[in-house]
Amino acid sequence: MVIRHKNDPAVISRHERTRAPEGIEKSAHIKQPVLALQVGTDLDPGLRRKHDPNEDTLLVTHGIIPTVSSAPTPFALFAVADGMGGHAHGQEASRLAVDTLARSLCGFLSSLPRRPDAFLPLLTEGVRSANQAVYQRNQGQRDNMGTTMTAALVIDTTAYVAHAGDSRCYLYHPPTGLSQITHDHSIVAALVDVHIIQPDDIYTHPMRNLIYRSLGEKASVEVDGCTVPLAAGDILLLCSDGLWEMVRDPQIAAILSEPAPDASRMAHALIQEALSEGGEDNVCAIVVKVNHT
């Protein structure tokens, strides 16, 4: 796996409008033994909050897993975090969380040979480490900041996904279309689950901004995890709620299914669509296109 950088930062964190983060070329390619990943990112503070600190943070990084009996295995790690806490605290929380995830998980993966069944537990443990870092910062500073986190670790033909909050991971699979991989830890999602409100009500319900699980609130956090098999033609999308609340799933699917655009253009198109629909919140997206090598 090779990712082409102008320089090679461990964490890419941008907080202004941009088509591609500085430090990574547009449509950078991450090559794997079977699949090649084309990565595009974009984020924007939004229209309503353009003068406030951007609380969304992106993570794009990669590394090598040592093996005992074969060639080292490359990995790629992606994450979005949407901070909470007001003023600059939400921004601090999301940056601290992705920094901690990158350091802890890359350290875990690069230190010793790992079996495939260890990857998802290692990723969820990395998210828990991020929770501990934000929680301890709260305790030391007597703050009340927090953040969501949705992370995807791609190794060979599998994406390992870990999640807390209401940022999302989607899979676009051409034969079946768009599917939401993560489940929102929000009040409105819980109300949908028990059939009190309809799925479309999540966009207008007065409690739509309330989540019941995030990083930093407690010393420990429950982290959802799953594995997603990948095939050529698939697209992974990680995004904050500033995207999916403004751009409904059918329009997300339409943008991801457009013929031939590269991942950077897809990410930019998603952000522009969110802005055209009102841009009520910070908005970010990571688009990972899966191609043949």
C-alpha atoms as a PDB file:
ATOM      1  CA  MET A   1       0.000   0.000   0.000  1.00  0.00           C
ATOM      2  CA  VAL A   2       1.412   3.366  -1.025  1.00  0.00           C
ATOM      3  CA  ILE A   3      -0.139   6.722  -0.316  1.00  0.00           C
ATOM      4  CA  ARG A   4       1.397   9.642  -2.159  1.00  0.00           C
ATOM      5  CA  HIS A   5       1.979  12.670   0.044  1.00  0.00           C
ATOM      6  CA  LYS A   6       3.657  16.004  -0.562  1.00  0.00           C
ATOM      7  CA  ASN A   7       4.768  15.393   2.990  1.00  0.00           C
ATOM      8  CA  ASP A   8       3.764  12.584   5.298  1.00  0.00           C
ATOM      9  CA  PRO A   9       1.815  13.719   8.371  1.00  0.00           C
ATOM     10  CA  ALA A  10       0.328  11.094  10.656  1.00  0.00           C
ATOM     11  CA  VAL A  11      -2.879  13.078  11.069  1.00  0.00           C
ATOM     12  CA  ILE A  12      -4.486  15.321   8.495  1.00  0.00           C
ATOM     13  CA  SER A  13      -6.625  17.874  10.304  1.00  0.00           C
ATOM     14  CA  ARG A  14      -8.026  20.827   8.422  1.00  0.00           C
ATOM     15  CA  HIS A  15     -10.436  23.445   9.668  1.00  0.00           C
ATOM     16  CA  GLU A  16     -11.141  25.656   6.691  1.00  0.00           C
ATOM     17  CA  ARG A  17     -12.823  25.215   3.349  1.00  0.00           C
ATOM     18  CA  THR A  18     -10.655  23.118   1.044  1.00  0.00           C
ATOM     19  CA  ARG A  19     -11.031  20.577  -1.714  1.00  0.00           C
ATOM     20  CA  ALA A  20      -8.259  18.381  -0.403  1.00  0.00           C
ATOM     21  CA  PRO A  21      -6.289  18.617   2.846  1.00  0.00           C
ATOM     22  CA  GLU A  22      -2.817  20.048   2.629  1.00  0.00           C
ATOM     23  CA  GLY A  23      -0.287  17.264   2.843  1.00  0.00           C
ATOM     24  CA  ILE A  24      -2.198  14.788   0.674  1.00  0.00           C
ATOM     25  CA  GLU A  25      -2.543  14.985  -3.078  1.00  0.00           C
ATOM     26  CA  LYS A  26      -5.999  15.013  -4.574  1.00  0.00           C
ATOM     27  CA  SER A  27      -7.104  11.519  -5.460  1.00  0.00           C
ATOM     28  CA  ALA A  28      -4.154   9.960  -3.617  1.00  0.00           C
ATOM     29  CA  HIS A  29      -3.861   6.242  -4.217  1.00  0.00           C
ATOM     30  CA  ILE A  30      -3.454   3.640  -1.492  1.00  0.00           C
ATOM     31  CA  LYS A  31      -2.425   0.373  -3.111  1.00  0.00           C
ATOM     32  CA  GLN A  32      -3.054  -2.983  -1.540  1.00  0.00           C
ATOM     33  CA  PRO A  33      -2.250  -6.525  -2.662  1.00  0.00           C
ATOM     34  CA  VAL A  34      -5.719  -6.988  -4.204  1.00  0.00           C
ATOM     35  CA  LEU A  35      -7.411  -3.596  -4.203  1.00  0.00           C
ATOM     36  CA  ALA A  36      -6.375   0.016  -4.745  1.00  0.00           C
ATOM     37  CA  LEU A  37      -8.034   2.751  -2.713  1.00  0.00           C
ATOM     38  CA  GLN A  38      -8.507   6.236  -4.145  1.00  0.00           C
ATOM     39  CA  VAL A  39      -9.072   8.753  -1.354  1.00  0.00           C
ATOM     40  CA  GLY A  40     -10.721  12.162  -1.468  1.00  0.00           C
ATOM     41  CA  THR A  41     -11.492  14.477   1.454  1.00  0.00           C
ATOM     42  CA  ASP A  42     -13.215  17.805   1.959  1.00  0.00           C
ATOM     43  CA  LEU A  43     -14.583  19.855   4.848  1.00  0.00           C
ATOM     44  CA  ASP A  44     -16.176  23.225   5.416  1.00  0.00           C
ATOM     45  CA  PRO A  45     -17.291  25.198   8.493  1.00  0.00           C
ATOM     46  CA  GLY A  46     -20.732  25.588   6.950  1.00  0.00           C
ATOM     47  CA  LEU A  47     -22.706  28.756   6.314  1.00  0.00           C
ATOM     48  CA  ARG A  48     -24.355  29.322   9.674  1.00  0.00           C
ATOM     49  CA  ARG A  49     -21.179  28.645  11.664  1.00  0.00           C
ATOM     50  CA  LYS A  50     -18.543  30.007   9.283  1.00  0.00           C
ATOM     51  CA  HIS A  51     -17.189  32.464  11.876  1.00  0.00           C
ATOM     52  CA  ASP A  52     -16.914  29.887  14.691  1.00  0.00           C
ATOM     53  CA  PRO A  53     -14.158  27.296  15.296  1.00  0.00           C
ATOM     54  CA  ASN A  54     -14.660  24.264  13.072  1.00  0.00           C
ATOM     55  CA  GLU A  55     -15.374  21.307  15.352  1.00  0.00           C
ATOM     56  CA  ASP A  56     -14.998  18.619  12.632  1.00  0.00           C
ATOM     57  CA  THR A  57     -11.646  16.842  12.236  1.00  0.00           C
ATOM     58  CA  LEU A  58     -10.547  14.318   9.592  1.00  0.00           C
ATOM     59  CA  LEU A  59      -7.940  11.582   9.874  1.00  0.00           C
ATOM     60  CA  VAL A  60      -6.190   9.908   6.930  1.00  0.00           C
ATOM     61  CA  THR A  61      -3.079   7.858   7.642  1.00  0.00           C
ATOM     62  CA  HIS A  62      -1.409   4.577   6.741  1.00  0.00           C
ATOM     63  CA  GLY A  63       1.289   2.150   7.828  1.00  0.00           C
ATOM     64  CA  ILE A  64       2.670  -1.369   7.722  1.00  0.00           C
ATOM     65  CA  ILE A  65       1.810  -4.382   9.889  1.00  0.00           C
ATOM     66  CA  PRO A  66       4.792  -6.717  10.420  1.00  0.00           C
ATOM     67  CA  THR A  67       4.244 -10.412   9.714  1.00  0.00           C
ATOM     68  CA  VAL A  68       6.211 -13.498  10.660  1.00  0.00           C
ATOM     69  CA  SER A  69       5.941 -15.647   7.565  1.00  0.00           C
ATOM     70  CA  SER A  70       5.068 -13.305   4.681  1.00  0.00           C
ATOM     71  CA  ALA A  71       5.582  -9.797   3.375  1.00  0.00           C
ATOM     72  CA  PRO A  72       4.480  -6.966   5.677  1.00  0.00           C
ATOM     73  CA  THR A  73       0.803  -6.047   5.350  1.00  0.00           C
ATOM     74  CA  PRO A  74      -0.166  -2.428   4.632  1.00  0.00           C
ATOM     75  CA  PHE A  75      -3.115  -0.724   6.320  1.00  0.00           C
ATOM     76  CA  ALA A  76      -5.019   2.543   5.884  1.00  0.00           C
ATOM     77  CA  LEU A  77      -6.892   4.315   8.668  1.00  0.00           C
ATOM     78  CA  PHE A  78      -9.664   6.871   8.211  1.00  0.00           C
ATOM     79  CA  ALA A  79     -11.759   8.697  10.803  1.00  0.00           C
ATOM     80  CA  VAL A  80     -14.120  11.627  11.263  1.00  0.00           C
ATOM     81  CA  ALA A  81     -14.777  13.280  14.614  1.00  0.00           C
ATOM     82  CA  ASP A  82     -17.401  15.942  15.320  1.00  0.00           C
ATOM     83  CA  GLY A  83     -16.622  17.853  18.500  1.00  0.00           C
ATOM     84  CA  MET A  84     -19.036  19.297  21.050  1.00  0.00           C
ATOM     85  CA  GLY A  85     -18.628  21.733  23.882  1.00  0.00           C
ATOM     86  CA  GLY A  86     -18.923  25.230  22.481  1.00  0.00           C
ATOM     87  CA  HIS A  87     -16.306  27.936  21.943  1.00  0.00           C
ATOM     88  CA  ALA A  88     -13.077  26.117  20.952  1.00  0.00           C
ATOM     89  CA  HIS A  89     -13.709  23.085  23.168  1.00  0.00           C
ATOM     90  CA  GLY A  90     -15.394  21.001  20.487  1.00  0.00           C
ATOM     91  CA  GLN A  91     -12.498  21.600  18.138  1.00  0.00           C
ATOM     92  CA  GLU A  92     -10.035  20.623  20.869  1.00  0.00           C
ATOM     93  CA  ALA A  93     -11.972  17.441  21.635  1.00  0.00           C
ATOM     94  CA  SER A  94     -12.148  16.228  18.030  1.00  0.00           C
ATOM     95  CA  ARG A  95      -8.472  16.971  17.371  1.00  0.00           C
ATOM     96  CA  LEU A  96      -7.389  15.262  20.583  1.00  0.00           C
ATOM     97  CA  ALA A  97      -9.506  12.220  19.758  1.00  0.00           C
ATOM     98  CA  VAL A  98      -8.094  11.685  16.255  1.00  0.00           C
ATOM     99  CA  ASP A  99      -4.539  12.355  17.422  1.00  0.00           C
ATOM    100  CA  THR A 100      -4.945   9.721  20.148  1.00  0.00           C
ATOM    101  CA  LEU A 101      -6.563   7.195  17.799  1.00  0.00           C
ATOM    102  CA  ALA A 102      -3.752   7.588  15.245  1.00  0.00           C
ATOM    103  CA  ARG A 103      -0.982   7.221  17.811  1.00  0.00           C
ATOM    104  CA  SER A 104      -2.510   4.304  19.699  1.00  0.00           C
ATOM    105  CA  LEU A 105      -3.715   2.233  16.743  1.00  0.00           C
ATOM    106  CA  CYS A 106      -0.677   2.799  14.542  1.00  0.00           C
ATOM    107  CA  GLY A 107       1.476   1.882  17.540  1.00  0.00           C
ATOM    108  CA  PHE A 108      -0.510  -1.305  18.116  1.00  0.00           C
ATOM    109  CA  LEU A 109      -0.398  -2.355  14.469  1.00  0.00           C
ATOM    110  CA  SER A 110       3.249  -1.533  13.828  1.00  0.00           C
ATOM    111  CA  SER A 111       4.681  -3.198  16.922  1.00  0.00           C
ATOM    112  CA  LEU A 112       3.984  -6.924  16.570  1.00  0.00           C
ATOM    113  CA  PRO A 113       2.530  -9.335  13.996  1.00  0.00           C
ATOM    114  CA  ARG A 114      -1.265  -9.387  14.236  1.00  0.00           C
ATOM    115  CA  ARG A 115      -3.883 -11.953  13.297  1.00  0.00           C
ATOM    116  CA  PRO A 116      -6.877 -10.719  11.252  1.00  0.00           C
ATOM    117  CA  ASP A 117      -9.246 -11.471  14.121  1.00  0.00           C
ATOM    118  CA  ALA A 118      -7.346  -8.932  16.240  1.00  0.00           C
ATOM    119  CA  PHE A 119      -7.915  -5.949  13.928  1.00  0.00           C
ATOM    120  CA  LEU A 120     -11.436  -5.002  14.987  1.00  0.00           C
ATOM    121  CA  PRO A 121     -10.675  -5.286  18.733  1.00  0.00           C
ATOM    122  CA  LEU A 122      -7.565  -3.149  18.199  1.00  0.00           C
ATOM    123  CA  LEU A 123      -9.606  -0.491  16.397  1.00  0.00           C
ATOM    124  CA  THR A 124     -12.305  -0.382  19.072  1.00  0.00           C
ATOM    125  CA  GLU A 125      -9.584  -0.181  21.720  1.00  0.00           C
ATOM    126  CA  GLY A 126      -8.089   2.757  19.840  1.00  0.00           C
ATOM    127  CA  VAL A 127     -11.438   4.562  20.017  1.00  0.00           C
ATOM    128  CA  ARG A 128     -11.620   3.799  23.732  1.00  0.00           C
ATOM    129  CA  SER A 129      -8.151   5.291  24.134  1.00  0.00           C
ATOM    130  CA  ALA A 130      -9.426   8.420  22.388  1.00  0.00           C
ATOM    131  CA  ASN A 131     -12.329   8.509  24.841  1.00  0.00           C
ATOM    132  CA  GLN A 132      -9.929   8.253  27.771  1.00  0.00           C
ATOM    133  CA  ALA A 133      -7.829  11.119  26.435  1.00  0.00           C
ATOM    134  CA  VAL A 134     -10.828  13.453  26.090  1.00  0.00           C
ATOM    135  CA  TYR A 135     -12.274  12.352  29.444  1.00  0.00           C
ATOM    136  CA  GLN A 136      -8.992  12.987  31.245  1.00  0.00           C
ATOM    137  CA  ARG A 137      -8.695  16.415  29.594  1.00  0.00           C
ATOM    138  CA  ASN A 138     -12.189  17.194  30.885  1.00  0.00           C
ATOM    139  CA  GLN A 139     -11.256  16.072  34.375  1.00  0.00           C
ATOM    140  CA  GLY A 140      -8.059  18.105  34.413  1.00  0.00           C
ATOM    141  CA  GLN A 141      -9.578  21.271  33.008  1.00  0.00           C
ATOM    142  CA  ARG A 142     -13.082  20.831  34.469  1.00  0.00           C
ATOM    143  CA  ASP A 143     -14.535  21.073  30.993  1.00  0.00           C
ATOM    144  CA  ASN A 144     -17.475  19.326  29.395  1.00  0.00           C
ATOM    145  CA  MET A 145     -16.229  18.803  25.865  1.00  0.00           C
ATOM    146  CA  GLY A 146     -16.853  15.684  23.814  1.00  0.00           C
ATOM    147  CA  THR A 147     -16.793  14.312  20.296  1.00  0.00           C
ATOM    148  CA  THR A 148     -18.261  11.675  18.061  1.00  0.00           C
ATOM    149  CA  MET A 149     -15.932   9.286  16.253  1.00  0.00           C
ATOM    150  CA  THR A 150     -16.386   7.019  13.267  1.00  0.00           C
ATOM    151  CA  ALA A 151     -13.267   5.148  12.109  1.00  0.00           C
ATOM    152  CA  ALA A 152     -12.507   2.661   9.350  1.00  0.00           C
ATOM    153  CA  LEU A 153      -9.375   0.514   9.214  1.00  0.00           C
ATOM    154  CA  VAL A 154      -8.826  -1.012   5.761  1.00  0.00           C
ATOM    155  CA  ILE A 155      -6.606  -4.086   5.460  1.00  0.00           C
ATOM    156  CA  ASP A 156      -6.523  -6.261   2.346  1.00  0.00           C
ATOM    157  CA  THR A 157     -10.198  -6.593   1.251  1.00  0.00           C
ATOM    158  CA  THR A 158     -11.838  -5.788   4.596  1.00  0.00           C
ATOM    159  CA  ALA A 159     -12.885  -2.562   6.289  1.00  0.00           C
ATOM    160  CA  TYR A 160     -13.070  -2.724  10.089  1.00  0.00           C
ATOM    161  CA  VAL A 161     -15.431  -0.019  11.366  1.00  0.00           C
ATOM    162  CA  ALA A 162     -15.717   1.372  14.916  1.00  0.00           C
ATOM    163  CA  HIS A 163     -18.175   4.032  15.970  1.00  0.00           C
ATOM    164  CA  ALA A 164     -19.601   6.173  18.772  1.00  0.00           C
ATOM    165  CA  GLY A 165     -22.024   9.035  18.186  1.00  0.00           C
ATOM    166  CA  ASP A 166     -23.906  10.164  15.079  1.00  0.00           C
ATOM    167  CA  SER A 167     -21.162  10.621  12.511  1.00  0.00           C
ATOM    168  CA  ARG A 168     -21.677   7.938   9.891  1.00  0.00           C
ATOM    169  CA  CYS A 169     -20.000   5.362   7.690  1.00  0.00           C
ATOM    170  CA  TYR A 170     -21.771   4.410   4.472  1.00  0.00           C
ATOM    171  CA  LEU A 171     -20.991   1.744   1.881  1.00  0.00           C
ATOM    172  CA  TYR A 172     -21.965   2.290  -1.721  1.00  0.00           C
ATOM    173  CA  HIS A 173     -22.008  -1.134  -3.430  1.00  0.00           C
ATOM    174  CA  PRO A 174     -23.058  -0.796  -7.097  1.00  0.00           C
ATOM    175  CA  PRO A 175     -25.331  -3.872  -7.257  1.00  0.00           C
ATOM    176  CA  THR A 176     -27.319  -2.876  -4.153  1.00  0.00           C
ATOM    177  CA  GLY A 177     -26.761   0.860  -3.771  1.00  0.00           C
ATOM    178  CA  LEU A 178     -26.112   2.879  -0.605  1.00  0.00           C
ATOM    179  CA  SER A 179     -26.299   1.377   2.877  1.00  0.00           C
ATOM    180  CA  GLN A 180     -25.598   2.949   6.264  1.00  0.00           C
ATOM    181  CA  ILE A 181     -23.014   0.819   8.072  1.00  0.00           C
ATOM    182  CA  THR A 182     -23.124   2.597  11.439  1.00  0.00           C
ATOM    183  CA  HIS A 183     -26.156   3.171  13.656  1.00  0.00           C
ATOM    184  CA  ASP A 184     -26.653   6.657  15.086  1.00  0.00           C
ATOM    185  CA  HIS A 185     -26.399   6.872  18.875  1.00  0.00           C
ATOM    186  CA  SER A 186     -29.015   9.604  18.968  1.00  0.00           C
ATOM    187  CA  ILE A 187     -32.386  10.128  20.597  1.00  0.00           C
ATOM    188  CA  VAL A 188     -34.175  10.350  17.254  1.00  0.00           C
ATOM    189  CA  ALA A 189     -32.586   7.124  15.981  1.00  0.00           C
ATOM    190  CA  ALA A 190     -33.744   5.378  19.153  1.00  0.00           C
ATOM    191  CA  LEU A 191     -37.264   6.735  18.599  1.00  0.00           C
ATOM    192  CA  VAL A 192     -37.219   5.371  15.054  1.00  0.00           C
ATOM    193  CA  ASP A 193     -36.082   1.981  16.359  1.00  0.00           C
ATOM    194  CA  VAL A 194     -39.166   1.684  18.585  1.00  0.00           C
ATOM    195  CA  HIS A 195     -41.481   3.073  15.867  1.00  0.00           C
ATOM    196  CA  ILE A 196     -42.417   6.245  17.748  1.00  0.00           C
ATOM    197  CA  ILE A 197     -41.342   8.437  14.827  1.00  0.00           C
ATOM    198  CA  GLN A 198     -40.774   7.782  11.143  1.00  0.00           C
ATOM    199  CA  PRO A 199     -37.247   7.685   9.644  1.00  0.00           C
ATOM    200  CA  ASP A 200     -37.768  10.974   7.800  1.00  0.00           C
ATOM    201  CA  ASP A 201     -38.645  12.690  11.103  1.00  0.00           C
ATOM    202  CA  ILE A 202     -34.996  12.577  12.211  1.00  0.00           C
ATOM    203  CA  TYR A 203     -34.299  15.620  10.015  1.00  0.00           C
ATOM    204  CA  THR A 204     -36.910  17.868  11.677  1.00  0.00           C
ATOM    205  CA  HIS A 205     -37.536  16.461  15.167  1.00  0.00           C
ATOM    206  CA  PRO A 206     -36.826  18.971  18.000  1.00  0.00           C
ATOM    207  CA  MET A 207     -34.456  16.444  19.652  1.00  0.00           C
ATOM    208  CA  ARG A 208     -32.499  15.689  16.473  1.00  0.00           C
ATOM    209  CA  ASN A 209     -29.274  17.165  17.886  1.00  0.00           C
ATOM    210  CA  LEU A 210     -29.244  15.052  21.061  1.00  0.00           C
ATOM    211  CA  ILE A 211     -26.934  12.032  21.193  1.00  0.00           C
ATOM    212  CA  TYR A 212     -26.667   9.547  24.037  1.00  0.00           C
ATOM    213  CA  ARG A 213     -23.165   8.231  23.333  1.00  0.00           C
ATOM    214  CA  SER A 214     -19.956  10.153  22.659  1.00  0.00           C
ATOM    215  CA  LEU A 215     -16.296  10.315  23.634  1.00  0.00           C
ATOM    216  CA  GLY A 216     -15.253  12.227  26.738  1.00  0.00           C
ATOM    217  CA  GLU A 217     -18.400  12.085  28.850  1.00  0.00           C
ATOM    218  CA  LYS A 218     -17.439   9.034  30.930  1.00  0.00           C
ATOM    219  CA  ALA A 219     -14.264   7.147  31.790  1.00  0.00           C
ATOM    220  CA  SER A 220     -15.352   4.278  29.535  1.00  0.00           C
ATOM    221  CA  VAL A 221     -17.529   4.147  26.450  1.00  0.00           C
ATOM    222  CA  GLU A 222     -19.244   1.391  24.521  1.00  0.00           C
ATOM    223  CA  VAL A 223     -17.925   1.257  20.949  1.00  0.00           C
ATOM    224  CA  ASP A 224     -19.854  -0.391  18.134  1.00  0.00           C
ATOM    225  CA  GLY A 225     -17.761  -2.429  15.720  1.00  0.00           C
ATOM    226  CA  CYS A 226     -18.281  -4.407  12.529  1.00  0.00           C
ATOM    227  CA  THR A 227     -16.435  -5.761   9.500  1.00  0.00           C
ATOM    228  CA  VAL A 228     -17.295  -4.853   5.908  1.00  0.00           C
ATOM    229  CA  PRO A 229     -15.983  -6.908   2.967  1.00  0.00           C
ATOM    230  CA  LEU A 230     -14.839  -4.731   0.079  1.00  0.00           C
ATOM    231  CA  ALA A 231     -14.843  -5.352  -3.661  1.00  0.00           C
ATOM    232  CA  ALA A 232     -13.748  -3.350  -6.664  1.00  0.00           C
ATOM    233  CA  GLY A 233     -16.363  -0.706  -7.407  1.00  0.00           C
ATOM    234  CA  ASP A 234     -17.309  -0.143  -3.767  1.00  0.00           C
ATOM    235  CA  ILE A 235     -17.119   3.278  -2.119  1.00  0.00           C
ATOM    236  CA  LEU A 236     -16.763   3.988   1.600  1.00  0.00           C
ATOM    237  CA  LEU A 237     -18.023   7.335   2.878  1.00  0.00           C
ATOM    238  CA  LEU A 238     -17.254   8.660   6.367  1.00  0.00           C
ATOM    239  CA  CYS A 239     -18.994  11.916   7.267  1.00  0.00           C
ATOM    240  CA  SER A 240     -20.240  14.133  10.079  1.00  0.00           C
ATOM    241  CA  ASP A 241     -23.917  14.873  10.651  1.00  0.00           C
ATOM    242  CA  GLY A 242     -23.397  18.211   8.940  1.00  0.00           C
ATOM    243  CA  LEU A 243     -23.428  16.235   5.690  1.00  0.00           C
ATOM    244  CA  TRP A 244     -26.155  13.643   6.120  1.00  0.00           C
ATOM    245  CA  GLU A 245     -28.592  16.048   7.811  1.00  0.00           C
ATOM    246  CA  MET A 246     -28.363  18.381   4.814  1.00  0.00           C
ATOM    247  CA  VAL A 247     -28.009  15.785   2.039  1.00  0.00           C
ATOM    248  CA  ARG A 248     -30.476  12.910   2.153  1.00  0.00           C
ATOM    249  CA  ASP A 249     -29.360   9.375   1.350  1.00  0.00           C
ATOM    250  CA  PRO A 250     -30.785   9.268  -2.220  1.00  0.00           C
ATOM    251  CA  GLN A 251     -28.780  12.358  -3.158  1.00  0.00           C
ATOM    252  CA  ILE A 252     -25.639  10.953  -1.503  1.00  0.00           C
ATOM    253  CA  ALA A 253     -26.127   7.788  -3.578  1.00  0.00           C
ATOM    254  CA  ALA A 254     -26.602   9.851  -6.735  1.00  0.00           C
ATOM    255  CA  ILE A 255     -23.321  11.696  -6.190  1.00  0.00           C
ATOM    256  CA  LEU A 256     -21.403   8.507  -5.386  1.00  0.00           C
ATOM    257  CA  SER A 257     -22.833   6.711  -8.431  1.00  0.00           C
ATOM    258  CA  GLU A 258     -21.885   9.360 -10.973  1.00  0.00           C
ATOM    259  CA  PRO A 259     -19.682   7.815 -13.675  1.00  0.00           C
ATOM    260  CA  ALA A 260     -15.929   8.395 -13.645  1.00  0.00           C
ATOM    261  CA  PRO A 261     -15.411  11.244 -11.120  1.00  0.00           C
ATOM    262  CA  ASP A 262     -12.456  10.754  -8.824  1.00  0.00           C
ATOM    263  CA  ALA A 263     -12.776  10.554  -5.052  1.00  0.00           C
ATOM    264  CA  SER A 264     -11.733  14.160  -4.469  1.00  0.00           C
ATOM    265  CA  ARG A 265     -14.426  15.458  -6.786  1.00  0.00           C
ATOM    266  CA  MET A 266     -17.006  13.260  -5.069  1.00  0.00           C
ATOM    267  CA  ALA A 267     -16.022  14.577  -1.644  1.00  0.00           C
ATOM    268  CA  HIS A 268     -16.159  18.154  -2.891  1.00  0.00           C
ATOM    269  CA  ALA A 269     -19.548  17.584  -4.552  1.00  0.00           C
ATOM    270  CA  LEU A 270     -20.979  16.216  -1.298  1.00  0.00           C
ATOM    271  CA  ILE A 271     -19.799  19.239   0.698  1.00  0.00           C
ATOM    272  CA  GLN A 272     -21.113  21.661  -1.949  1.00  0.00           C
ATOM    273  CA  GLU A 273     -24.488  19.929  -1.876  1.00  0.00           C
ATOM    274  CA  ALA A 274     -24.639  20.311   1.914  1.00  0.00           C
ATOM    275  CA  LEU A 275     -23.879  24.021   1.567  1.00  0.00           C
ATOM    276  CA  SER A 276     -26.493  24.471  -1.144  1.00  0.00           C
ATOM    277  CA  GLU A 277     -29.066  22.899   1.167  1.00  0.00           C
ATOM    278  CA  GLY A 278     -28.339  25.413   3.911  1.00  0.00           C
ATOM    279  CA  GLY A 279     -24.982  24.461   5.463  1.00  0.00           C
ATOM    280  CA  GLU A 280     -26.388  24.529   8.994  1.00  0.00           C
ATOM    281  CA  ASP A 281     -23.368  22.835  10.603  1.00  0.00           C
ATOM    282  CA  ASN A 282     -19.699  22.045  10.073  1.00  0.00           C
ATOM    283  CA  VAL A 283     -19.501  19.420   7.357  1.00  0.00           C
ATOM    284  CA  CYS A 284     -16.791  16.919   6.408  1.00  0.00           C
ATOM    285  CA  ALA A 285     -16.423  13.835   4.236  1.00  0.00           C
ATOM    286  CA  ILE A 286     -13.869  11.147   3.426  1.00  0.00           C
ATOM    287  CA  VAL A 287     -14.563   9.231   0.203  1.00  0.00           C
ATOM    288  CA  VAL A 288     -12.663   5.974  -0.380  1.00  0.00           C
ATOM    289  CA  LYS A 289     -13.132   4.448  -3.838  1.00  0.00           C
ATOM    290  CA  VAL A 290     -12.162   0.787  -4.205  1.00  0.00           C
ATOM    291  CA  ASN A 291     -10.551  -0.143  -7.499  1.00  0.00           C
ATOM    292  CA  HIS A 292      -8.642  -3.044  -8.985  1.00  0.00           C
ATOM    293  CA  THR A 293      -4.857  -2.783  -8.707  1.00  0.00           C
END
